[in-house]
Structure formats: C-alpha cells, structure tokens
C-alpha atoms as a PDB file:
ATOM      1  CA  MET A   1     -35.401-225.225 -12.063  1.00  0.00           C
ATOM      2  CA  PRO A   2     -35.802-228.498 -10.126  1.00  0.00           C
ATOM      3  CA  ASN A   3     -32.097-228.349  -9.321  1.00  0.00           C
ATOM      4  CA  GLY A   4     -31.725-224.664 -10.030  1.00  0.00           C
ATOM      5  CA  ALA A   5     -30.300-221.911  -7.890  1.00  0.00           C
ATOM      6  CA  VAL A   6     -32.035-218.988  -6.261  1.00  0.00           C
ATOM      7  CA  ALA A   7     -30.790-216.106  -4.128  1.00  0.00           C
ATOM      8  CA  ILE A   8     -32.942-214.393  -1.567  1.00  0.00           C
ATOM      9  CA  PHE A   9     -32.093-210.858  -0.504  1.00  0.00           C
ATOM     10  CA  GLY A  10     -33.393-209.994   2.940  1.00  0.00           C
ATOM     11  CA  LEU A  11     -33.180-212.566   5.736  1.00  0.00           C
ATOM     12  CA  GLY A  12     -35.478-210.906   8.227  1.00  0.00           C
ATOM     13  CA  ALA A  13     -38.578-212.524   9.682  1.00  0.00           C
ATOM     14  CA  MET A  14     -40.234-213.012   6.289  1.00  0.00           C
ATOM     15  CA  GLY A  15     -37.177-213.628   4.160  1.00  0.00           C
ATOM     16  CA  ARG A  16     -35.682-216.243   6.453  1.00  0.00           C
ATOM     17  CA  GLY A  17     -38.914-218.228   6.391  1.00  0.00           C
ATOM     18  CA  MET A  18     -39.150-217.976   2.610  1.00  0.00           C
ATOM     19  CA  ALA A  19     -35.514-219.061   2.276  1.00  0.00           C
ATOM     20  CA  THR A  20     -36.246-222.079   4.459  1.00  0.00           C
ATOM     21  CA  SER A  21     -39.149-223.024   2.191  1.00  0.00           C
ATOM     22  CA  LEU A  22     -36.920-222.739  -0.876  1.00  0.00           C
ATOM     23  CA  MET A  23     -34.318-225.032   0.680  1.00  0.00           C
ATOM     24  CA  GLN A  24     -36.934-227.546   1.770  1.00  0.00           C
ATOM     25  CA  ALA A  25     -38.133-227.704  -1.837  1.00  0.00           C
ATOM     26  CA  GLY A  26     -34.654-228.796  -2.897  1.00  0.00           C
ATOM     27  CA  LEU A  27     -33.520-225.559  -4.525  1.00  0.00           C
ATOM     28  CA  VAL A  28     -29.934-224.422  -4.092  1.00  0.00           C
ATOM     29  CA  THR A  29     -30.580-221.316  -2.016  1.00  0.00           C
ATOM     30  CA  HIS A  30     -28.200-218.452  -1.341  1.00  0.00           C
ATOM     31  CA  GLY A  31     -29.125-215.820   1.221  1.00  0.00           C
ATOM     32  CA  PHE A  32     -27.874-212.254   1.582  1.00  0.00           C
ATOM     33  CA  ASP A  33     -28.561-209.527   4.108  1.00  0.00           C
ATOM     34  CA  ILE A  34     -26.802-206.452   5.480  1.00  0.00           C
ATOM     35  CA  ASN A  35     -26.922-208.255   8.839  1.00  0.00           C
ATOM     36  CA  ALA A  36     -23.897-210.560   8.823  1.00  0.00           C
ATOM     37  CA  ASP A  37     -25.266-212.597  11.738  1.00  0.00           C
ATOM     38  CA  ALA A  38     -28.441-213.357   9.771  1.00  0.00           C
ATOM     39  CA  VAL A  39     -26.363-214.600   6.844  1.00  0.00           C
ATOM     40  CA  ALA A  40     -24.189-216.745   9.120  1.00  0.00           C
ATOM     41  CA  LYS A  41     -27.228-218.350  10.764  1.00  0.00           C
ATOM     42  CA  PHE A  42     -28.773-219.008   7.376  1.00  0.00           C
ATOM     43  CA  ARG A  43     -25.653-220.750   6.108  1.00  0.00           C
ATOM     44  CA  ASP A  44     -25.357-222.756   9.318  1.00  0.00           C
ATOM     45  CA  SER A  45     -28.867-224.057   8.647  1.00  0.00           C
ATOM     46  CA  GLY A  46     -27.976-225.282   5.172  1.00  0.00           C
ATOM     47  CA  GLY A  47     -27.904-222.181   3.008  1.00  0.00           C
ATOM     48  CA  ALA A  48     -25.517-222.272   0.052  1.00  0.00           C
ATOM     49  CA  ALA A  49     -22.205-220.442   0.324  1.00  0.00           C
ATOM     50  CA  GLY A  50     -20.688-217.903  -2.041  1.00  0.00           C
ATOM     51  CA  THR A  51     -20.481-214.160  -2.515  1.00  0.00           C
ATOM     52  CA  ILE A  52     -22.898-212.253  -4.723  1.00  0.00           C
ATOM     53  CA  ALA A  53     -20.211-211.873  -7.381  1.00  0.00           C
ATOM     54  CA  GLU A  54     -19.443-215.599  -7.296  1.00  0.00           C
ATOM     55  CA  VAL A  55     -22.992-216.892  -7.578  1.00  0.00           C
ATOM     56  CA  ALA A  56     -24.866-214.239  -9.579  1.00  0.00           C
ATOM     57  CA  ALA A  57     -24.296-215.815 -12.995  1.00  0.00           C
ATOM     58  CA  THR A  58     -25.490-219.227 -11.745  1.00  0.00           C
ATOM     59  CA  LEU A  59     -28.896-218.036 -10.561  1.00  0.00           C
ATOM     60  CA  ASP A  60     -32.235-218.828 -12.138  1.00  0.00           C
ATOM     61  CA  ALA A  61     -34.158-216.494  -9.824  1.00  0.00           C
ATOM     62  CA  VAL A  62     -33.600-213.681  -7.355  1.00  0.00           C
ATOM     63  CA  VAL A  63     -36.160-213.115  -4.602  1.00  0.00           C
ATOM     64  CA  ILE A  64     -36.068-209.666  -2.986  1.00  0.00           C
ATOM     65  CA  VAL A  65     -37.758-209.535   0.426  1.00  0.00           C
ATOM     66  CA  VAL A  66     -36.806-206.144   1.829  1.00  0.00           C
ATOM     67  CA  VAL A  67     -38.821-203.404   3.520  1.00  0.00           C
ATOM     68  CA  ASN A  68     -39.472-200.818   0.836  1.00  0.00           C
ATOM     69  CA  ALA A  69     -38.856-199.457  -2.644  1.00  0.00           C
ATOM     70  CA  ALA A  70     -35.560-197.794  -1.749  1.00  0.00           C
ATOM     71  CA  GLN A  71     -34.113-201.057  -0.455  1.00  0.00           C
ATOM     72  CA  THR A  72     -35.391-202.971  -3.489  1.00  0.00           C
ATOM     73  CA  ARG A  73     -33.774-200.419  -5.772  1.00  0.00           C
ATOM     74  CA  ALA A  74     -30.506-200.645  -3.818  1.00  0.00           C
ATOM     75  CA  VAL A  75     -30.416-204.449  -4.080  1.00  0.00           C
ATOM     76  CA  LEU A  76     -30.917-204.254  -7.832  1.00  0.00           C
ATOM     77  CA  PHE A  77     -29.109-201.111  -8.924  1.00  0.00           C
ATOM     78  CA  GLY A  78     -27.142-199.808  -5.945  1.00  0.00           C
ATOM     79  CA  GLU A  79     -23.373-199.614  -5.530  1.00  0.00           C
ATOM     80  CA  ASP A  80     -23.117-203.414  -5.325  1.00  0.00           C
ATOM     81  CA  GLY A  81     -26.381-204.045  -7.166  1.00  0.00           C
ATOM     82  CA  ILE A  82     -27.201-207.498  -8.409  1.00  0.00           C
ATOM     83  CA  ALA A  83     -28.892-206.585 -11.698  1.00  0.00           C
ATOM     84  CA  ASP A  84     -25.737-206.060 -13.748  1.00  0.00           C
ATOM     85  CA  LYS A  85     -24.242-209.316 -12.459  1.00  0.00           C
ATOM     86  CA  LEU A  86     -27.150-211.615 -13.396  1.00  0.00           C
ATOM     87  CA  ALA A  87     -27.259-213.664 -16.563  1.00  0.00           C
ATOM     88  CA  PRO A  88     -29.860-212.581 -19.132  1.00  0.00           C
ATOM     89  CA  GLY A  89     -33.105-214.466 -18.624  1.00  0.00           C
ATOM     90  CA  THR A  90     -32.864-214.558 -14.834  1.00  0.00           C
ATOM     91  CA  VAL A  91     -36.131-213.645 -13.136  1.00  0.00           C
ATOM     92  CA  VAL A  92     -36.336-211.032 -10.399  1.00  0.00           C
ATOM     93  CA  ILE A  93     -39.173-211.770  -7.952  1.00  0.00           C
ATOM     94  CA  ALA A  94     -39.783-208.494  -6.124  1.00  0.00           C
ATOM     95  CA  CYS A  95     -41.841-208.965  -2.950  1.00  0.00           C
ATOM     96  CA  ALA A  96     -41.738-205.630  -1.119  1.00  0.00           C
ATOM     97  CA  THR A  97     -44.888-203.536  -0.881  1.00  0.00           C
ATOM     98  CA  VAL A  98     -44.335-200.650  -3.301  1.00  0.00           C
ATOM     99  CA  ALA A  99     -46.469-198.319  -5.379  1.00  0.00           C
ATOM    100  CA  PRO A 100     -47.428-199.642  -8.835  1.00  0.00           C
ATOM    101  CA  ASP A 101     -45.458-196.954 -10.666  1.00  0.00           C
ATOM    102  CA  VAL A 102     -42.340-197.902  -8.714  1.00  0.00           C
ATOM    103  CA  ALA A 103     -42.783-201.539  -9.746  1.00  0.00           C
ATOM    104  CA  GLN A 104     -43.128-200.434 -13.366  1.00  0.00           C
ATOM    105  CA  ASP A 105     -39.918-198.407 -13.196  1.00  0.00           C
ATOM    106  CA  LEU A 106     -37.955-201.251 -11.599  1.00  0.00           C
ATOM    107  CA  ALA A 107     -39.289-203.691 -14.180  1.00  0.00           C
ATOM    108  CA  GLN A 108     -38.274-201.456 -17.068  1.00  0.00           C
ATOM    109  CA  GLN A 109     -34.712-201.187 -15.764  1.00  0.00           C
ATOM    110  CA  CYS A 110     -34.536-204.952 -15.355  1.00  0.00           C
ATOM    111  CA  GLU A 111     -35.922-205.590 -18.817  1.00  0.00           C
ATOM    112  CA  GLU A 112     -33.319-203.246 -20.312  1.00  0.00           C
ATOM    113  CA  ARG A 113     -30.731-205.651 -18.897  1.00  0.00           C
ATOM    114  CA  GLY A 114     -32.431-208.721 -20.347  1.00  0.00           C
ATOM    115  CA  LEU A 115     -33.957-209.790 -17.040  1.00  0.00           C
ATOM    116  CA  HIS A 116     -37.502-210.922 -16.347  1.00  0.00           C
ATOM    117  CA  TYR A 117     -39.363-209.097 -13.570  1.00  0.00           C
ATOM    118  CA  LEU A 118     -42.245-210.360 -11.494  1.00  0.00           C
ATOM    119  CA  ASP A 119     -44.193-207.810  -9.453  1.00  0.00           C
ATOM    120  CA  ALA A 120     -44.895-210.238  -6.614  1.00  0.00           C
ATOM    121  CA  PRO A 121     -45.812-208.874  -3.184  1.00  0.00           C
ATOM    122  CA  VAL A 122     -46.783-211.523  -0.667  1.00  0.00           C
ATOM    123  CA  SER A 123     -49.404-211.952   2.024  1.00  0.00           C
ATOM    124  CA  GLY A 124     -49.616-214.350   4.945  1.00  0.00           C
ATOM    125  CA  GLY A 125     -47.099-213.284   7.564  1.00  0.00           C
ATOM    126  CA  THR A 126     -44.053-214.924   9.074  1.00  0.00           C
ATOM    127  CA  LEU A 127     -45.669-218.225  10.065  1.00  0.00           C
ATOM    128  CA  ARG A 128     -46.883-218.953   6.545  1.00  0.00           C
ATOM    129  CA  ALA A 129     -43.536-217.802   5.131  1.00  0.00           C
ATOM    130  CA  GLY A 130     -41.825-220.524   7.129  1.00  0.00           C
ATOM    131  CA  ASP A 131     -44.074-223.349   5.973  1.00  0.00           C
ATOM    132  CA  GLY A 132     -44.305-222.361   2.313  1.00  0.00           C
ATOM    133  CA  THR A 133     -47.986-221.384   2.337  1.00  0.00           C
ATOM    134  CA  LEU A 134     -47.851-217.685   1.463  1.00  0.00           C
ATOM    135  CA  SER A 135     -50.172-216.043  -1.022  1.00  0.00           C
ATOM    136  CA  VAL A 136     -48.340-214.296  -3.853  1.00  0.00           C
ATOM    137  CA  LEU A 137     -50.085-211.468  -5.711  1.00  0.00           C
ATOM    138  CA  ALA A 138     -48.150-211.480  -8.949  1.00  0.00           C
ATOM    139  CA  SER A 139     -48.081-209.833 -12.327  1.00  0.00           C
ATOM    140  CA  GLY A 140     -45.595-210.142 -15.157  1.00  0.00           C
ATOM    141  CA  SER A 141     -44.944-211.788 -18.484  1.00  0.00           C
ATOM    142  CA  ALA A 142     -45.612-215.443 -19.183  1.00  0.00           C
ATOM    143  CA  ALA A 143     -41.857-215.958 -19.445  1.00  0.00           C
ATOM    144  CA  ALA A 144     -41.342-214.414 -15.993  1.00  0.00           C
ATOM    145  CA  PHE A 145     -43.964-216.699 -14.456  1.00  0.00           C
ATOM    146  CA  THR A 146     -42.452-219.767 -16.136  1.00  0.00           C
ATOM    147  CA  LYS A 147     -38.962-218.969 -14.904  1.00  0.00           C
ATOM    148  CA  ALA A 148     -40.214-218.141 -11.401  1.00  0.00           C
ATOM    149  CA  ARG A 149     -42.553-221.122 -11.039  1.00  0.00           C
ATOM    150  CA  PRO A 150     -40.283-223.473  -9.031  1.00  0.00           C
ATOM    151  CA  ALA A 151     -39.493-220.726  -6.504  1.00  0.00           C
ATOM    152  CA  LEU A 152     -43.130-219.628  -6.330  1.00  0.00           C
ATOM    153  CA  ASP A 153     -44.306-223.199  -5.779  1.00  0.00           C
ATOM    154  CA  ALA A 154     -41.799-223.585  -2.949  1.00  0.00           C
ATOM    155  CA  MET A 155     -42.823-220.384  -1.156  1.00  0.00           C
ATOM    156  CA  ALA A 156     -46.565-220.230  -1.703  1.00  0.00           C
ATOM    157  CA  SER A 157     -49.720-222.286  -1.563  1.00  0.00           C
ATOM    158  CA  GLN A 158     -51.543-219.706  -3.682  1.00  0.00           C
ATOM    159  CA  VAL A 159     -50.126-217.738  -6.584  1.00  0.00           C
ATOM    160  CA  PHE A 160     -52.618-215.261  -7.973  1.00  0.00           C
ATOM    161  CA  GLU A 161     -51.656-214.520 -11.578  1.00  0.00           C
ATOM    162  CA  LEU A 162     -52.954-210.997 -12.131  1.00  0.00           C
ATOM    163  CA  GLY A 163     -51.932-210.494 -15.724  1.00  0.00           C
ATOM    164  CA  ALA A 164     -48.936-209.273 -17.669  1.00  0.00           C
ATOM    165  CA  GLU A 165     -49.092-205.625 -16.630  1.00  0.00           C
ATOM    166  CA  ILE A 166     -46.432-204.782 -14.064  1.00  0.00           C
ATOM    167  CA  GLY A 167     -48.039-202.953 -11.147  1.00  0.00           C
ATOM    168  CA  ALA A 168     -51.141-205.126 -10.945  1.00  0.00           C
ATOM    169  CA  GLY A 169     -49.593-207.175  -8.154  1.00  0.00           C
ATOM    170  CA  SER A 170     -48.658-204.053  -6.235  1.00  0.00           C
ATOM    171  CA  SER A 171     -52.148-202.612  -6.704  1.00  0.00           C
ATOM    172  CA  MET A 172     -53.731-205.742  -5.287  1.00  0.00           C
ATOM    173  CA  LYS A 173     -51.318-205.699  -2.344  1.00  0.00           C
ATOM    174  CA  ALA A 174     -52.314-202.088  -1.632  1.00  0.00           C
ATOM    175  CA  ILE A 175     -55.978-203.135  -1.539  1.00  0.00           C
ATOM    176  CA  ASN A 176     -55.128-205.969   0.844  1.00  0.00           C
ATOM    177  CA  GLN A 177     -53.072-203.708   3.084  1.00  0.00           C
ATOM    178  CA  MET A 178     -55.847-201.119   3.170  1.00  0.00           C
ATOM    179  CA  LEU A 179     -58.229-203.712   4.567  1.00  0.00           C
ATOM    180  CA  VAL A 180     -55.824-205.381   6.986  1.00  0.00           C
ATOM    181  CA  GLY A 181     -54.482-202.098   8.329  1.00  0.00           C
ATOM    182  CA  ILE A 182     -57.974-200.793   8.988  1.00  0.00           C
ATOM    183  CA  GLN A 183     -59.075-204.089  10.525  1.00  0.00           C
ATOM    184  CA  ILE A 184     -56.152-204.335  12.970  1.00  0.00           C
ATOM    185  CA  ALA A 185     -56.842-200.794  14.154  1.00  0.00           C
ATOM    186  CA  ALA A 186     -60.544-201.660  14.383  1.00  0.00           C
ATOM    187  CA  MET A 187     -59.679-204.697  16.498  1.00  0.00           C
ATOM    188  CA  GLY A 188     -57.835-202.447  18.953  1.00  0.00           C
ATOM    189  CA  GLU A 189     -60.715-199.991  19.027  1.00  0.00           C
ATOM    190  CA  ALA A 190     -63.391-202.633  19.541  1.00  0.00           C
ATOM    191  CA  LEU A 191     -61.447-204.592  22.170  1.00  0.00           C
ATOM    192  CA  THR A 192     -60.778-201.500  24.277  1.00  0.00           C
ATOM    193  CA  PHE A 193     -64.304-200.167  23.761  1.00  0.00           C
ATOM    194  CA  GLY A 194     -65.510-203.483  25.148  1.00  0.00           C
ATOM    195  CA  MET A 195     -63.368-202.949  28.232  1.00  0.00           C
ATOM    196  CA  THR A 196     -65.208-199.673  28.943  1.00  0.00           C
ATOM    197  CA  GLN A 197     -68.386-201.764  29.024  1.00  0.00           C
ATOM    198  CA  GLY A 198     -66.987-204.338  31.406  1.00  0.00           C
ATOM    199  CA  VAL A 199     -66.183-206.885  28.705  1.00  0.00           C
ATOM    200  CA  LYS A 200     -62.828-208.486  29.422  1.00  0.00           C
ATOM    201  CA  PRO A 201     -60.541-208.980  26.410  1.00  0.00           C
ATOM    202  CA  GLU A 202     -60.760-212.774  26.755  1.00  0.00           C
ATOM    203  CA  MET A 203     -64.559-212.674  26.589  1.00  0.00           C
ATOM    204  CA  PHE A 204     -64.442-210.210  23.712  1.00  0.00           C
ATOM    205  CA  PHE A 205     -62.292-212.640  21.743  1.00  0.00           C
ATOM    206  CA  ASP A 206     -64.268-215.764  22.611  1.00  0.00           C
ATOM    207  CA  VAL A 207     -67.561-214.205  21.553  1.00  0.00           C
ATOM    208  CA  ILE A 208     -66.729-211.903  18.626  1.00  0.00           C
ATOM    209  CA  ARG A 209     -64.601-214.441  16.775  1.00  0.00           C
ATOM    210  CA  GLN A 210     -67.798-216.518  16.466  1.00  0.00           C
ATOM    211  CA  CYS A 211     -69.928-213.573  15.345  1.00  0.00           C
ATOM    212  CA  ALA A 212     -70.244-211.480  12.220  1.00  0.00           C
ATOM    213  CA  GLY A 213     -67.794-208.910  13.587  1.00  0.00           C
ATOM    214  CA  THR A 214     -64.816-211.231  13.306  1.00  0.00           C
ATOM    215  CA  SER A 215     -61.973-210.902  10.806  1.00  0.00           C
ATOM    216  CA  TRP A 216     -58.585-212.447  10.113  1.00  0.00           C
ATOM    217  CA  ALA A 217     -57.024-209.423  11.811  1.00  0.00           C
ATOM    218  CA  LEU A 218     -59.081-209.888  14.951  1.00  0.00           C
ATOM    219  CA  GLU A 219     -58.427-213.616  15.157  1.00  0.00           C
ATOM    220  CA  SER A 220     -54.709-213.129  14.542  1.00  0.00           C
ATOM    221  CA  ARG A 221     -53.987-210.059  16.670  1.00  0.00           C
ATOM    222  CA  ALA A 222     -56.440-210.009  19.600  1.00  0.00           C
ATOM    223  CA  PRO A 223     -54.611-212.967  21.220  1.00  0.00           C
ATOM    224  CA  HIS A 224     -51.455-210.836  21.319  1.00  0.00           C
ATOM    225  CA  VAL A 225     -53.266-208.172  23.338  1.00  0.00           C
ATOM    226  CA  ILE A 226     -54.809-210.771  25.642  1.00  0.00           C
ATOM    227  CA  ALA A 227     -51.367-212.301  26.270  1.00  0.00           C
ATOM    228  CA  GLY A 228     -49.717-208.908  26.681  1.00  0.00           C
ATOM    229  CA  ASP A 229     -47.110-210.153  24.199  1.00  0.00           C
ATOM    230  CA  TYR A 230     -46.124-207.649  21.532  1.00  0.00           C
ATOM    231  CA  THR A 231     -43.217-209.597  20.059  1.00  0.00           C
ATOM    232  CA  PRO A 232     -43.480-208.387  16.470  1.00  0.00           C
ATOM    233  CA  LEU A 233     -44.867-210.525  13.697  1.00  0.00           C
ATOM    234  CA  SER A 234     -45.552-207.298  11.797  1.00  0.00           C
ATOM    235  CA  THR A 235     -44.583-203.990  13.357  1.00  0.00           C
ATOM    236  CA  ILE A 236     -46.498-200.776  13.923  1.00  0.00           C
ATOM    237  CA  ASP A 237     -44.039-198.926  11.681  1.00  0.00           C
ATOM    238  CA  ILE A 238     -44.779-201.213   8.718  1.00  0.00           C
ATOM    239  CA  TRP A 239     -48.230-199.625   8.598  1.00  0.00           C
ATOM    240  CA  LEU A 240     -46.825-196.116   8.381  1.00  0.00           C
ATOM    241  CA  LYS A 241     -45.211-197.196   5.122  1.00  0.00           C
ATOM    242  CA  ASP A 242     -47.965-199.410   3.740  1.00  0.00           C
ATOM    243  CA  LEU A 243     -50.945-197.183   4.502  1.00  0.00           C
ATOM    244  CA  GLY A 244     -48.891-194.213   3.338  1.00  0.00           C
ATOM    245  CA  ILE A 245     -48.510-195.977  -0.021  1.00  0.00           C
ATOM    246  CA  VAL A 246     -52.242-196.685  -0.108  1.00  0.00           C
ATOM    247  CA  LEU A 247     -53.078-193.028   0.503  1.00  0.00           C
ATOM    248  CA  ASP A 248     -50.572-191.878  -2.119  1.00  0.00           C
ATOM    249  CA  ILE A 249     -52.207-194.161  -4.679  1.00  0.00           C
ATOM    250  CA  ALA A 250     -55.651-192.963  -3.597  1.00  0.00           C
ATOM    251  CA  LYS A 251     -54.578-189.338  -3.953  1.00  0.00           C
ATOM    252  CA  ASP A 252     -53.340-189.961  -7.499  1.00  0.00           C
ATOM    253  CA  ALA A 253     -56.679-191.631  -8.277  1.00  0.00           C
ATOM    254  CA  LYS A 254     -58.574-188.742  -6.646  1.00  0.00           C
ATOM    255  CA  PHE A 255     -60.180-191.305  -4.368  1.00  0.00           C
ATOM    256  CA  GLY A 256     -61.161-190.440  -0.819  1.00  0.00           C
ATOM    257  CA  ALA A 257     -60.068-193.078   1.726  1.00  0.00           C
ATOM    258  CA  PRO A 258     -61.127-191.699   5.123  1.00  0.00           C
ATOM    259  CA  LEU A 259     -61.040-195.008   6.995  1.00  0.00           C
ATOM    260  CA  THR A 260     -57.489-195.630   5.827  1.00  0.00           C
ATOM    261  CA  ALA A 261     -56.484-192.128   6.885  1.00  0.00           C
ATOM    262  CA  ALA A 262     -58.034-192.602  10.329  1.00  0.00           C
ATOM    263  CA  ALA A 263     -56.260-195.939  10.816  1.00  0.00           C
ATOM    264  CA  LEU A 264     -52.954-194.413   9.778  1.00  0.00           C
ATOM    265  CA  GLN A 265     -53.354-191.716  12.440  1.00  0.00           C
ATOM    266  CA  GLN A 266     -53.628-194.400  15.115  1.00  0.00           C
ATOM    267  CA  TYR A 267     -50.454-196.120  13.917  1.00  0.00           C
ATOM    268  CA  LEU A 268     -48.696-192.743  13.812  1.00  0.00           C
ATOM    269  CA  ALA A 269     -49.786-192.105  17.387  1.00  0.00           C
ATOM    270  CA  ALA A 270     -48.505-195.524  18.427  1.00  0.00           C
ATOM    271  CA  SER A 271     -45.169-194.999  16.689  1.00  0.00           C
ATOM    272  CA  GLY A 272     -44.823-191.538  18.179  1.00  0.00           C
ATOM    273  CA  SER A 273     -45.349-193.108  21.602  1.00  0.00           C
ATOM    274  CA  GLY A 274     -42.330-195.363  21.106  1.00  0.00           C
ATOM    275  CA  LEU A 275     -44.230-198.443  19.962  1.00  0.00           C
ATOM    276  CA  GLY A 276     -43.021-198.484  16.370  1.00  0.00           C
ATOM    277  CA  HIS A 277     -41.038-201.709  16.659  1.00  0.00           C
ATOM    278  CA  GLU A 278     -43.682-203.606  18.621  1.00  0.00           C
ATOM    279  CA  ASP A 279     -46.247-205.935  17.060  1.00  0.00           C
ATOM    280  CA  ASP A 280     -48.981-204.020  15.261  1.00  0.00           C
ATOM    281  CA  ALA A 281     -51.511-205.274  17.832  1.00  0.00           C
ATOM    282  CA  ALA A 282     -49.934-202.623  20.070  1.00  0.00           C
ATOM    283  CA  VAL A 283     -52.176-200.098  18.329  1.00  0.00           C
ATOM    284  CA  ALA A 284     -54.626-201.126  21.070  1.00  0.00           C
ATOM    285  CA  LYS A 285     -52.343-199.369  23.555  1.00  0.00           C
ATOM    286  CA  VAL A 286     -53.216-196.002  22.013  1.00  0.00           C
ATOM    287  CA  TYR A 287     -56.918-196.550  22.666  1.00  0.00           C
ATOM    288  CA  ALA A 288     -56.216-197.905  26.155  1.00  0.00           C
ATOM    289  CA  ARG A 289     -54.040-194.940  27.081  1.00  0.00           C
ATOM    290  CA  ASN A 290     -56.582-192.419  25.866  1.00  0.00           C
ATOM    291  CA  ALA A 291     -59.377-194.137  27.816  1.00  0.00           C
ATOM    292  CA  GLY A 292     -57.340-194.718  30.974  1.00  0.00           C
ATOM    293  CA  LEU A 293     -57.519-198.502  30.602  1.00  0.00           C
ATOM    294  CA  THR A 294     -54.990-201.129  31.652  1.00  0.00           C
ATOM    295  CA  LEU A 295     -54.431-203.882  29.105  1.00  0.00           C
ATOM    296  CA  PRO A 296     -53.457-207.419  30.104  1.00  0.00           C
ATOM    297  CA  GLY A 297     -49.832-208.355  30.686  1.00  0.00           C
ATOM    298  CA  ALA A 298     -46.824-206.723  32.237  1.00  0.00           C
ATOM    299  CA  GLN A 299     -45.744-205.236  28.876  1.00  0.00           C
ATOM    300  CA  ALA A 300     -49.073-203.446  28.322  1.00  0.00           C
END
C-alpha cells in the first residue's frame, strides 16, 4: 500500500495525530468524525476529500480510533456503517480499548463480509500519536497484518504481534491499562501525601523521578499537577471505562484485582466531583480535597 488509501474514523486527540502520521508517510488518508469541524480542519491540513460512500471501495485499510465498543460497532455496522461498503480483503484496524470477547465478535462479523480484522489497541498517548511512534498491541491473521503493515508502520514505532487469536491485543491492552490506571492514581496519592509531610510537589518530582518509586505515569503526569494545568491528554472519564473493562475481565476470570478496584474508586470520585473531562492527573485533586490541601495553580 505504498500509494494506497486509508480512512481513519475518529479525529479526536488520538485520531487526528494518527491521521497526520498516515499522511506524512505518503498514504492517501481520508478522515471522518461526527464533529464536522474536526473533519473540515483535517481536510484543510491535507486530508483527502470524499464521502464514505464515494471512497469506501478504494480503501486498503480502515483505522477506527473511537472511544469504546459501542462506537466501534456503530462505525462498522451502524445505520451508515462502513463494513458493507468496503471491498473484500480490506483490513479493519480497530484501536479502541474493548473487552476481548467484543473484539472477537466484531472480527467474526467482519470476516463474514470478507474483511480482515486486526485487534489493535494502541498505547503512547496523543504526543506519540502525532509523531508516528505509538505502540500497537495487535493480534490477527497473517493476511491482516500484511494488509495493515503500511498503515501500522506509519503510525507506530513498535508493533507487538501477539498471535492470530483475536482478543489477544485487547487482553494485553487491559493489562497495560490496569498498570497505568493504578500508577496515575498512585502518583496523585504519593504527591499529596508528600505535601502533608512538607514536601512540595516540585521537590517530590525532582527526587522521586530519580528513585525506585518512579514510573512512566509519575514522570508524565506529576508535571501537570505541578503546573496546575489539567488540559486533557487523557481524561478522568477514560479510566471509568478502561478500568471497568479490566474489572469485568477479572470477574469473568474469577481473579481478584483489589488495587484496580481502589484506583477506579478514586477516578469515580473525581468524575463525580465534576472533573471527568479534565486530564487524569486531576485524580490528585480528590486526595488534596480530602486532606484539606491546596495544589499548585489557579485551576487546582
């Protein structure tokens, strides 16, 4: 697909960055979103024109970067779903965080229509989406990987091929989200605990990031708290969905996940306090409020 065509569905923070990476790799890239302004901005920046009906049969790959399973299902099989418009052999690269059984069901419906399906959730956030250095946690057939390779190479610096079984990618994403969700909440807890001991957030960050207690979550999110800037890279409400999926999978496996459950309660408390659309570092505000602390910045 060096000169092939791809359509990306979902031009939010992640999808727009991924679309930019596809265009920069030289792929003809169409972008669609329920937000007409997002589509207009994408086309103004070089995105290919055309309606879904006009371009569907020309596509080599479809990349779906929406919030959840319901939106993925709607893009594929809804009232104006893309699946019945695609040419046989097109690959669907599904990037939303969903439960493994959902991925399996979506894949089966695609395969019944002669489409390839790649269970391909991503990790890395909006900054890495924009520069084509995401990690993709993917599973699917060899044919699906072959068809998807040009798009994957454009969007990602690492593509973890997790086998042919659909759902393996989603399982690995759930494991990743379990860890990251817990670690962001732990960052908020540790930073505010430090404040009760007279440790300013700036000192906390300078010291702990060089000690064994550091993590990607701490190094990425503590600066947001220090700056008092909760412009969302990933929102509080994303964790209600993602950790909810993790706990549903754990329940089916009869696996106790108490740390995940505790972290989810903190995100629920933050969302219930009106912070759902703020950056997930705002989970620190729950700890600060409960301890009577004042975080840095006017927005704290």
